PDB file of N, CA and C in Angstrom:
ATOM      1  N   MET A   1      24.590  11.306 -36.454  1.00  0.00           N
ATOM      2  CA  MET A   1      23.994  10.506 -37.495  1.00  0.00           C
ATOM      3  C   MET A   1      22.766   9.801 -36.946  1.00  0.00           C
ATOM      4  N   SER A   2      21.700   9.880 -37.690  1.00  0.00           N
ATOM      5  CA  SER A   2      20.467   9.278 -37.206  1.00  0.00           C
ATOM      6  C   SER A   2      20.125   7.993 -37.929  1.00  0.00           C
ATOM      7  N   TYR A   3      20.733   7.737 -39.027  1.00  0.00           N
ATOM      8  CA  TYR A   3      20.487   6.522 -39.812  1.00  0.00           C
ATOM      9  C   TYR A   3      18.996   6.337 -40.124  1.00  0.00           C
ATOM     10  N   GLY A   4      18.274   7.416 -40.204  1.00  0.00           N
ATOM     11  CA  GLY A   4      16.871   7.349 -40.571  1.00  0.00           C
ATOM     12  C   GLY A   4      15.932   6.991 -39.422  1.00  0.00           C
ATOM     13  N   TYR A   5      16.442   6.939 -38.186  1.00  0.00           N
ATOM     14  CA  TYR A   5      15.580   6.581 -37.053  1.00  0.00           C
ATOM     15  C   TYR A   5      15.682   7.663 -35.999  1.00  0.00           C
ATOM     16  N   GLU A   6      14.563   8.172 -35.603  1.00  0.00           N
ATOM     17  CA  GLU A   6      14.495   9.143 -34.511  1.00  0.00           C
ATOM     18  C   GLU A   6      13.665   8.514 -33.395  1.00  0.00           C
ATOM     19  N   PRO A   7      14.210   8.381 -32.196  1.00  0.00           N
ATOM     20  CA  PRO A   7      13.399   7.830 -31.107  1.00  0.00           C
ATOM     21  C   PRO A   7      12.226   8.764 -30.814  1.00  0.00           C
ATOM     22  N   PRO A   8      11.099   8.197 -30.459  1.00  0.00           N
ATOM     23  CA  PRO A   8       9.941   9.052 -30.185  1.00  0.00           C
ATOM     24  C   PRO A   8      10.182   9.920 -28.959  1.00  0.00           C
ATOM     25  N   LYS A   9       9.721  11.146 -29.050  1.00  0.00           N
ATOM     26  CA  LYS A   9       9.855  12.060 -27.917  1.00  0.00           C
ATOM     27  C   LYS A   9       8.705  11.793 -26.952  1.00  0.00           C
ATOM     28  N   PRO A  10       9.019  11.685 -25.672  1.00  0.00           N
ATOM     29  CA  PRO A  10       7.949  11.434 -24.706  1.00  0.00           C
ATOM     30  C   PRO A  10       7.007  12.634 -24.630  1.00  0.00           C
ATOM     31  N   SER A  11       5.752  12.332 -24.447  1.00  0.00           N
ATOM     32  CA  SER A  11       4.754  13.383 -24.333  1.00  0.00           C
ATOM     33  C   SER A  11       4.903  14.062 -22.982  1.00  0.00           C
ATOM     34  N   GLU A  12       5.056  15.351 -23.002  1.00  0.00           N
ATOM     35  CA  GLU A  12       5.199  16.084 -21.753  1.00  0.00           C
ATOM     36  C   GLU A  12       3.843  16.508 -21.214  1.00  0.00           C
ATOM     37  N   GLU A  13       2.819  16.326 -21.989  1.00  0.00           N
ATOM     38  CA  GLU A  13       1.489  16.722 -21.592  1.00  0.00           C
ATOM     39  C   GLU A  13       0.908  15.698 -20.625  1.00  0.00           C
ATOM     40  N   GLY A  14       0.428  16.143 -19.493  1.00  0.00           N
ATOM     41  CA  GLY A  14      -0.253  15.250 -18.571  1.00  0.00           C
ATOM     42  C   GLY A  14       0.639  14.421 -17.676  1.00  0.00           C
ATOM     43  N   SER A  15       1.945  14.566 -17.754  1.00  0.00           N
ATOM     44  CA  SER A  15       2.802  13.715 -16.937  1.00  0.00           C
ATOM     45  C   SER A  15       2.656  14.040 -15.454  1.00  0.00           C
ATOM     46  N   TRP A  16       2.591  15.319 -15.097  1.00  0.00           N
ATOM     47  CA  TRP A  16       2.428  15.670 -13.686  1.00  0.00           C
ATOM     48  C   TRP A  16       1.036  15.310 -13.193  1.00  0.00           C
ATOM     49  N   GLY A  17       0.062  15.390 -14.067  1.00  0.00           N
ATOM     50  CA  GLY A  17      -1.288  14.981 -13.680  1.00  0.00           C
ATOM     51  C   GLY A  17      -1.345  13.509 -13.325  1.00  0.00           C
ATOM     52  N   GLU A  18      -0.612  12.700 -14.076  1.00  0.00           N
ATOM     53  CA  GLU A  18      -0.569  11.270 -13.779  1.00  0.00           C
ATOM     54  C   GLU A  18       0.139  11.009 -12.459  1.00  0.00           C
ATOM     55  N   VAL A  19       1.211  11.742 -12.208  1.00  0.00           N
ATOM     56  CA  VAL A  19       1.946  11.577 -10.949  1.00  0.00           C
ATOM     57  C   VAL A  19       1.047  11.924  -9.771  1.00  0.00           C
ATOM     58  N   TRP A  20       0.329  13.044  -9.865  1.00  0.00           N
ATOM     59  CA  TRP A  20      -0.548  13.447  -8.768  1.00  0.00           C
ATOM     60  C   TRP A  20      -1.692  12.459  -8.582  1.00  0.00           C
ATOM     61  N   ALA A  21      -2.189  11.894  -9.667  1.00  0.00           N
ATOM     62  CA  ALA A  21      -3.258  10.899  -9.558  1.00  0.00           C
ATOM     63  C   ALA A  21      -2.766   9.651  -8.829  1.00  0.00           C
ATOM     64  N   ILE A  22      -1.559   9.209  -9.143  1.00  0.00           N
ATOM     65  CA  ILE A  22      -0.994   8.034  -8.473  1.00  0.00           C
ATOM     66  C   ILE A  22      -0.760   8.325  -6.998  1.00  0.00           C
ATOM     67  N   ILE A  23      -0.220   9.504  -6.694  1.00  0.00           N
ATOM     68  CA  ILE A  23       0.014   9.881  -5.297  1.00  0.00           C
ATOM     69  C   ILE A  23      -1.305   9.912  -4.534  1.00  0.00           C
ATOM     70  N   LYS A  24      -2.340  10.463  -5.147  1.00  0.00           N
ATOM     71  CA  LYS A  24      -3.647  10.546  -4.497  1.00  0.00           C
ATOM     72  C   LYS A  24      -4.199   9.152  -4.185  1.00  0.00           C
ATOM     73  N   VAL A  25      -4.049   8.222  -5.113  1.00  0.00           N
ATOM     74  CA  VAL A  25      -4.539   6.858  -4.893  1.00  0.00           C
ATOM     75  C   VAL A  25      -3.745   6.171  -3.787  1.00  0.00           C
ATOM     76  N   VAL A  26      -2.423   6.304  -3.817  1.00  0.00           N
ATOM     77  CA  VAL A  26      -1.578   5.641  -2.811  1.00  0.00           C
ATOM     78  C   VAL A  26      -1.860   6.203  -1.424  1.00  0.00           C
ATOM     79  N   VAL A  27      -1.944   7.525  -1.306  1.00  0.00           N
ATOM     80  CA  VAL A  27      -2.228   8.130  -0.006  1.00  0.00           C
ATOM     81  C   VAL A  27      -3.625   7.729   0.460  1.00  0.00           C
ATOM     82  N   GLY A  28      -4.578   7.679  -0.453  1.00  0.00           N
ATOM     83  CA  GLY A  28      -5.928   7.266  -0.086  1.00  0.00           C
ATOM     84  C   GLY A  28      -5.987   5.841   0.429  1.00  0.00           C
ATOM     85  N   MET A  29      -5.108   4.986  -0.078  1.00  0.00           N
ATOM     86  CA  MET A  29      -5.082   3.603   0.390  1.00  0.00           C
ATOM     87  C   MET A  29      -4.330   3.465   1.709  1.00  0.00           C
ATOM     88  N   LEU A  30      -3.262   4.216   1.884  1.00  0.00           N
ATOM     89  CA  LEU A  30      -2.423   4.055   3.069  1.00  0.00           C
ATOM     90  C   LEU A  30      -2.902   4.857   4.272  1.00  0.00           C
ATOM     91  N   LEU A  31      -3.610   5.953   4.053  1.00  0.00           N
ATOM     92  CA  LEU A  31      -4.005   6.820   5.157  1.00  0.00           C
ATOM     93  C   LEU A  31      -4.863   6.108   6.205  1.00  0.00           C
ATOM     94  N   PRO A  32      -5.880   5.335   5.829  1.00  0.00           N
ATOM     95  CA  PRO A  32      -6.645   4.637   6.874  1.00  0.00           C
ATOM     96  C   PRO A  32      -5.798   3.644   7.670  1.00  0.00           C
ATOM     97  N   VAL A  33      -4.901   2.953   7.007  1.00  0.00           N
ATOM     98  CA  VAL A  33      -4.047   1.980   7.702  1.00  0.00           C
ATOM     99  C   VAL A  33      -3.121   2.693   8.683  1.00  0.00           C
ATOM    100  N   ILE A  34      -2.531   3.793   8.249  1.00  0.00           N
ATOM    101  CA  ILE A  34      -1.641   4.556   9.128  1.00  0.00           C
ATOM    102  C   ILE A  34      -2.425   5.144  10.292  1.00  0.00           C
ATOM    103  N   ALA A  35      -3.639   5.625  10.044  1.00  0.00           N
ATOM    104  CA  ALA A  35      -4.470   6.175  11.118  1.00  0.00           C
ATOM    105  C   ALA A  35      -4.808   5.097  12.146  1.00  0.00           C
ATOM    106  N   ILE A  36      -5.111   3.894  11.681  1.00  0.00           N
ATOM    107  CA  ILE A  36      -5.402   2.793  12.610  1.00  0.00           C
ATOM    108  C   ILE A  36      -4.166   2.453  13.439  1.00  0.00           C
ATOM    109  N   MET A  37      -3.002   2.436  12.806  1.00  0.00           N
ATOM    110  CA  MET A  37      -1.770   2.129  13.541  1.00  0.00           C
ATOM    111  C   MET A  37      -1.497   3.180  14.613  1.00  0.00           C
ATOM    112  N   PHE A  38      -1.629   4.467  14.268  1.00  0.00           N
ATOM    113  CA  PHE A  38      -1.417   5.515  15.264  1.00  0.00           C
ATOM    114  C   PHE A  38      -2.471   5.440  16.367  1.00  0.00           C
ATOM    115  N   GLY A  39      -3.701   5.115  16.013  1.00  0.00           N
ATOM    116  CA  GLY A  39      -4.740   4.962  17.022  1.00  0.00           C
ATOM    117  C   GLY A  39      -4.425   3.849  18.004  1.00  0.00           C
ATOM    118  N   MET A  40      -3.904   2.743  17.493  1.00  0.00           N
ATOM    119  CA  MET A  40      -3.534   1.634  18.375  1.00  0.00           C
ATOM    120  C   MET A  40      -2.375   2.018  19.295  1.00  0.00           C
ATOM    121  N   ILE A  41      -1.399   2.746  18.760  1.00  0.00           N
ATOM    122  CA  ILE A  41      -0.275   3.192  19.592  1.00  0.00           C
ATOM    123  C   ILE A  41      -0.768   4.107  20.702  1.00  0.00           C
ATOM    124  N   ILE A  42      -1.660   5.038  20.369  1.00  0.00           N
ATOM    125  CA  ILE A  42      -2.209   5.942  21.381  1.00  0.00           C
ATOM    126  C   ILE A  42      -3.025   5.158  22.400  1.00  0.00           C
ATOM    127  N   PHE A  43      -3.801   4.173  21.938  1.00  0.00           N
ATOM    128  CA  PHE A  43      -4.603   3.358  22.849  1.00  0.00           C
ATOM    129  C   PHE A  43      -3.715   2.595  23.829  1.00  0.00           C
ATOM    130  N   VAL A  44      -2.633   2.015  23.342  1.00  0.00           N
ATOM    131  CA  VAL A  44      -1.716   1.279  24.227  1.00  0.00           C
ATOM    132  C   VAL A  44      -1.066   2.234  25.225  1.00  0.00           C
ATOM    133  N   ALA A  45      -0.674   3.426  24.771  1.00  0.00           N
ATOM    134  CA  ALA A  45      -0.059   4.401  25.675  1.00  0.00           C
ATOM    135  C   ALA A  45      -1.041   4.831  26.765  1.00  0.00           C
ATOM    136  N   VAL A  46      -2.285   5.072  26.395  1.00  0.00           N
ATOM    137  CA  VAL A  46      -3.291   5.462  27.389  1.00  0.00           C
ATOM    138  C   VAL A  46      -3.558   4.307  28.346  1.00  0.00           C
ATOM    139  N   SER A  47      -3.574   3.084  27.847  1.00  0.00           N
ATOM    140  CA  SER A  47      -3.781   1.923  28.716  1.00  0.00           C
ATOM    141  C   SER A  47      -2.651   1.792  29.726  1.00  0.00           C
ATOM    142  N   ILE A  48      -1.425   2.006  29.284  1.00  0.00           N
ATOM    143  CA  ILE A  48      -0.283   1.950  30.207  1.00  0.00           C
ATOM    144  C   ILE A  48      -0.391   3.058  31.241  1.00  0.00           C
ATOM    145  N   MET A  49      -0.809   4.256  30.797  1.00  0.00           N
ATOM    146  CA  MET A  49      -0.971   5.361  31.736  1.00  0.00           C
ATOM    147  C   MET A  49      -2.046   5.020  32.774  1.00  0.00           C
ATOM    148  N   PHE A  50      -3.161   4.453  32.334  1.00  0.00           N
ATOM    149  CA  PHE A  50      -4.204   4.041  33.274  1.00  0.00           C
ATOM    150  C   PHE A  50      -3.655   3.031  34.276  1.00  0.00           C
ATOM    151  N   PHE A  51      -2.874   2.068  33.792  1.00  0.00           N
ATOM    152  CA  PHE A  51      -2.317   1.046  34.675  1.00  0.00           C
ATOM    153  C   PHE A  51      -1.364   1.659  35.690  1.00  0.00           C
ATOM    154  N   LEU A  52      -0.588   2.660  35.268  1.00  0.00           N
ATOM    155  CA  LEU A  52       0.349   3.289  36.191  1.00  0.00           C
ATOM    156  C   LEU A  52      -0.368   4.127  37.242  1.00  0.00           C
ATOM    157  N   VAL A  53      -1.506   4.708  36.889  1.00  0.00           N
ATOM    158  CA  VAL A  53      -2.267   5.478  37.871  1.00  0.00           C
ATOM    159  C   VAL A  53      -2.864   4.531  38.911  1.00  0.00           C
ATOM    160  N   HIS A  54      -3.563   3.522  38.429  1.00  0.00           N
ATOM    161  CA  HIS A  54      -4.129   2.507  39.321  1.00  0.00           C
ATOM    162  C   HIS A  54      -4.455   1.284  38.472  1.00  0.00           C
ATOM    163  N   PRO A  55      -4.024   0.104  38.902  1.00  0.00           N
ATOM    164  CA  PRO A  55      -4.263  -1.098  38.084  1.00  0.00           C
ATOM    165  C   PRO A  55      -5.736  -1.345  37.750  1.00  0.00           C
ATOM    166  N   ALA A  56      -6.645  -0.931  38.626  1.00  0.00           N
ATOM    167  CA  ALA A  56      -8.065  -1.148  38.350  1.00  0.00           C
ATOM    168  C   ALA A  56      -8.548  -0.286  37.181  1.00  0.00           C
ATOM    169  N   MET A  57      -7.856   0.806  36.901  1.00  0.00           N
ATOM    170  CA  MET A  57      -8.256   1.667  35.781  1.00  0.00           C
ATOM    171  C   MET A  57      -8.007   0.999  34.436  1.00  0.00           C
ATOM    172  N   LEU A  58      -7.205  -0.064  34.445  1.00  0.00           N
ATOM    173  CA  LEU A  58      -6.983  -0.807  33.206  1.00  0.00           C
ATOM    174  C   LEU A  58      -8.288  -1.442  32.720  1.00  0.00           C
ATOM    175  N   LEU A  59      -9.243  -1.588  33.639  1.00  0.00           N
ATOM    176  CA  LEU A  59     -10.551  -2.111  33.246  1.00  0.00           C
ATOM    177  C   LEU A  59     -11.258  -1.173  32.270  1.00  0.00           C
ATOM    178  N   LEU A  60     -10.950   0.118  32.321  1.00  0.00           N
ATOM    179  CA  LEU A  60     -11.538   1.052  31.356  1.00  0.00           C
ATOM    180  C   LEU A  60     -11.112   0.689  29.937  1.00  0.00           C
ATOM    181  N   SER A  61      -9.833   0.395  29.770  1.00  0.00           N
ATOM    182  CA  SER A  61      -9.344  -0.005  28.447  1.00  0.00           C
ATOM    183  C   SER A  61      -9.969  -1.322  28.015  1.00  0.00           C
ATOM    184  N   ALA A  62     -10.083  -2.248  28.956  1.00  0.00           N
ATOM    185  CA  ALA A  62     -10.702  -3.535  28.628  1.00  0.00           C
ATOM    186  C   ALA A  62     -12.166  -3.340  28.248  1.00  0.00           C
ATOM    187  N   ALA A  63     -12.848  -2.404  28.904  1.00  0.00           N
ATOM    188  CA  ALA A  63     -14.249  -2.137  28.573  1.00  0.00           C
ATOM    189  C   ALA A  63     -14.373  -1.542  27.172  1.00  0.00           C
ATOM    190  N   VAL A  64     -13.446  -0.682  26.791  1.00  0.00           N
ATOM    191  CA  VAL A  64     -13.470  -0.101  25.444  1.00  0.00           C
ATOM    192  C   VAL A  64     -13.255  -1.195  24.400  1.00  0.00           C
ATOM    193  N   VAL A  65     -12.303  -2.085  24.649  1.00  0.00           N
ATOM    194  CA  VAL A  65     -12.046  -3.182  23.709  1.00  0.00           C
ATOM    195  C   VAL A  65     -13.265  -4.100  23.626  1.00  0.00           C
ATOM    196  N   ALA A  66     -13.853  -4.432  24.767  1.00  0.00           N
ATOM    197  CA  ALA A  66     -15.028  -5.306  24.769  1.00  0.00           C
ATOM    198  C   ALA A  66     -16.198  -4.652  24.033  1.00  0.00           C
ATOM    199  N   ALA A  67     -16.393  -3.355  24.226  1.00  0.00           N
ATOM    200  CA  ALA A  67     -17.472  -2.655  23.521  1.00  0.00           C
ATOM    201  C   ALA A  67     -17.218  -2.647  22.017  1.00  0.00           C
ATOM    202  N   GLY A  68     -15.972  -2.475  21.624  1.00  0.00           N
ATOM    203  CA  GLY A  68     -15.642  -2.506  20.196  1.00  0.00           C
ATOM    204  C   GLY A  68     -15.888  -3.866  19.577  1.00  0.00           C
ATOM    205  N   VAL A  69     -15.497  -4.927  20.274  1.00  0.00           N
ATOM    206  CA  VAL A  69     -15.733  -6.281  19.766  1.00  0.00           C
ATOM    207  C   VAL A  69     -17.228  -6.559  19.685  1.00  0.00           C
ATOM    208  N   TRP A  70     -17.979  -6.146  20.710  1.00  0.00           N
ATOM    209  CA  TRP A  70     -19.427  -6.346  20.706  1.00  0.00           C
ATOM    210  C   TRP A  70     -20.071  -5.600  19.538  1.00  0.00           C
ATOM    211  N   PHE A  71     -19.653  -4.348  19.314  1.00  0.00           N
ATOM    212  CA  PHE A  71     -20.210  -3.557  18.213  1.00  0.00           C
ATOM    213  C   PHE A  71     -19.919  -4.214  16.867  1.00  0.00           C
ATOM    214  N   LEU A  72     -18.676  -4.655  16.662  1.00  0.00           N
ATOM    215  CA  LEU A  72     -18.323  -5.284  15.385  1.00  0.00           C
ATOM    216  C   LEU A  72     -19.078  -6.594  15.174  1.00  0.00           C
ATOM    217  N   ALA A  73     -19.241  -7.385  16.232  1.00  0.00           N
ATOM    218  CA  ALA A  73     -19.983  -8.643  16.107  1.00  0.00           C
ATOM    219  C   ALA A  73     -21.450  -8.369  15.787  1.00  0.00           C
ATOM    220  N   ARG A  74     -22.031  -7.370  16.443  1.00  0.00           N
ATOM    221  CA  ARG A  74     -23.431  -7.020  16.183  1.00  0.00           C
ATOM    222  C   ARG A  74     -23.618  -6.505  14.763  1.00  0.00           C
ATOM    223  N   ARG A  75     -22.693  -5.661  14.314  1.00  0.00           N
ATOM    224  CA  ARG A  75     -22.780  -5.119  12.962  1.00  0.00           C
ATOM    225  C   ARG A  75     -22.628  -6.232  11.924  1.00  0.00           C
ATOM    226  N   ASP A  76     -21.688  -7.148  12.165  1.00  0.00           N
ATOM    227  CA  ASP A  76     -21.482  -8.252  11.235  1.00  0.00           C
ATOM    228  C   ASP A  76     -22.719  -9.139  11.163  1.00  0.00           C
ATOM    229  N   ARG A  77     -23.325  -9.415  12.300  1.00  0.00           N
ATOM    230  CA  ARG A  77     -24.534 -10.246  12.309  1.00  0.00           C
ATOM    231  C   ARG A  77     -25.669  -9.548  11.562  1.00  0.00           C
ATOM    232  N   HIS A  78     -25.797  -8.243  11.753  1.00  0.00           N
ATOM    233  CA  HIS A  78     -26.837  -7.478  11.064  1.00  0.00           C
ATOM    234  C   HIS A  78     -26.614  -7.511   9.552  1.00  0.00           C
ATOM    235  N   LEU A  79     -25.372  -7.320   9.118  1.00  0.00           N
ATOM    236  CA  LEU A  79     -25.076  -7.358   7.685  1.00  0.00           C
ATOM    237  C   LEU A  79     -25.304  -8.752   7.108  1.00  0.00           C
ATOM    238  N   GLN A  80     -24.969  -9.784   7.890  1.00  0.00           N
ATOM    239  CA  GLN A  80     -25.193 -11.154   7.427  1.00  0.00           C
ATOM    240  C   GLN A  80     -26.686 -11.437   7.286  1.00  0.00           C
ATOM    241  N   ASP A  81     -27.491 -10.970   8.248  1.00  0.00           N
ATOM    242  CA  ASP A  81     -28.941 -11.164   8.152  1.00  0.00           C
ATOM    243  C   ASP A  81     -29.511 -10.461   6.924  1.00  0.00           C
ATOM    244  N   GLU A  82     -29.052  -9.245   6.660  1.00  0.00           N
ATOM    245  CA  GLU A  82     -29.519  -8.522   5.472  1.00  0.00           C
ATOM    246  C   GLU A  82     -29.148  -9.266   4.197  1.00  0.00           C
ATOM    247  N   GLU A  83     -27.931  -9.781   4.150  1.00  0.00           N
ATOM    248  CA  GLU A  83     -27.477 -10.501   2.958  1.00  0.00           C
ATOM    249  C   GLU A  83     -28.274 -11.789   2.761  1.00  0.00           C
ATOM    250  N   GLU A  84     -28.564 -12.502   3.851  1.00  0.00           N
ATOM    251  CA  GLU A  84     -29.371 -13.718   3.742  1.00  0.00           C
ATOM    252  C   GLU A  84     -30.786 -13.395   3.276  1.00  0.00           C
ATOM    253  N   ARG A  85     -31.356 -12.288   3.769  1.00  0.00           N
ATOM    254  CA  ARG A  85     -32.686 -11.888   3.309  1.00  0.00           C
ATOM    255  C   ARG A  85     -32.665 -11.527   1.830  1.00  0.00           C
ATOM    256  N   ARG A  86     -31.593 -10.896   1.391  1.00  0.00           N
ATOM    257  CA  ARG A  86     -31.480 -10.517  -0.013  1.00  0.00           C
ATOM    258  C   ARG A  86     -31.356 -11.758  -0.895  1.00  0.00           C
ATOM    259  N   ILE A  87     -30.591 -12.741  -0.437  1.00  0.00           N
ATOM    260  CA  ILE A  87     -30.355 -13.939  -1.244  1.00  0.00           C
ATOM    261  C   ILE A  87     -31.549 -14.889  -1.191  1.00  0.00           C
ATOM    262  N   PHE A  88     -32.020 -15.197   0.019  1.00  0.00           N
ATOM    263  CA  PHE A  88     -33.039 -16.226   0.187  1.00  0.00           C
ATOM    264  C   PHE A  88     -34.457 -15.675   0.284  1.00  0.00           C
ATOM    265  N   GLY A  89     -34.608 -14.394   0.425  1.00  0.00           N
ATOM    266  CA  GLY A  89     -35.934 -13.820   0.625  1.00  0.00           C
ATOM    267  C   GLY A  89     -36.311 -13.884   2.091  1.00  0.00           C
ATOM    268  N   ASP A  90     -37.595 -13.710   2.383  1.00  0.00           N
ATOM    269  CA  ASP A  90     -38.056 -13.694   3.778  1.00  0.00           C
ATOM    270  C   ASP A  90     -38.543 -15.050   4.252  1.00  0.00           C
ATOM    271  N   ARG A  91     -37.969 -16.133   3.769  1.00  0.00           N
ATOM    272  CA  ARG A  91     -38.426 -17.462   4.188  1.00  0.00           C
ATOM    273  C   ARG A  91     -37.790 -17.912   5.489  1.00  0.00           C
ATOM    274  N   HIS A  92     -36.839 -17.168   6.015  1.00  0.00           N
ATOM    275  CA  HIS A  92     -36.207 -17.558   7.283  1.00  0.00           C
ATOM    276  C   HIS A  92     -37.086 -17.148   8.431  1.00  0.00           C
TER     277      HIS A  92
END
């Protein structure tokens, strides 16, 4: 007995397309984070290996970290200067 009411049938069109679109967005967001995590694990493992070979070789890992920090600081300063020029003009 339906009593005059039929529940709407869900549209089967496009349902898998929506699922794949959501999966694509989620993987696109998580992939860089997962890659960074695996990179850090590999970096720590290589640093430990360097230390086990000779403690002075740990300076190689420290040099890589220092170069990365220097690069990021330089890039940030460059982007900040560009943004200030865009906002304030060339009066600085």
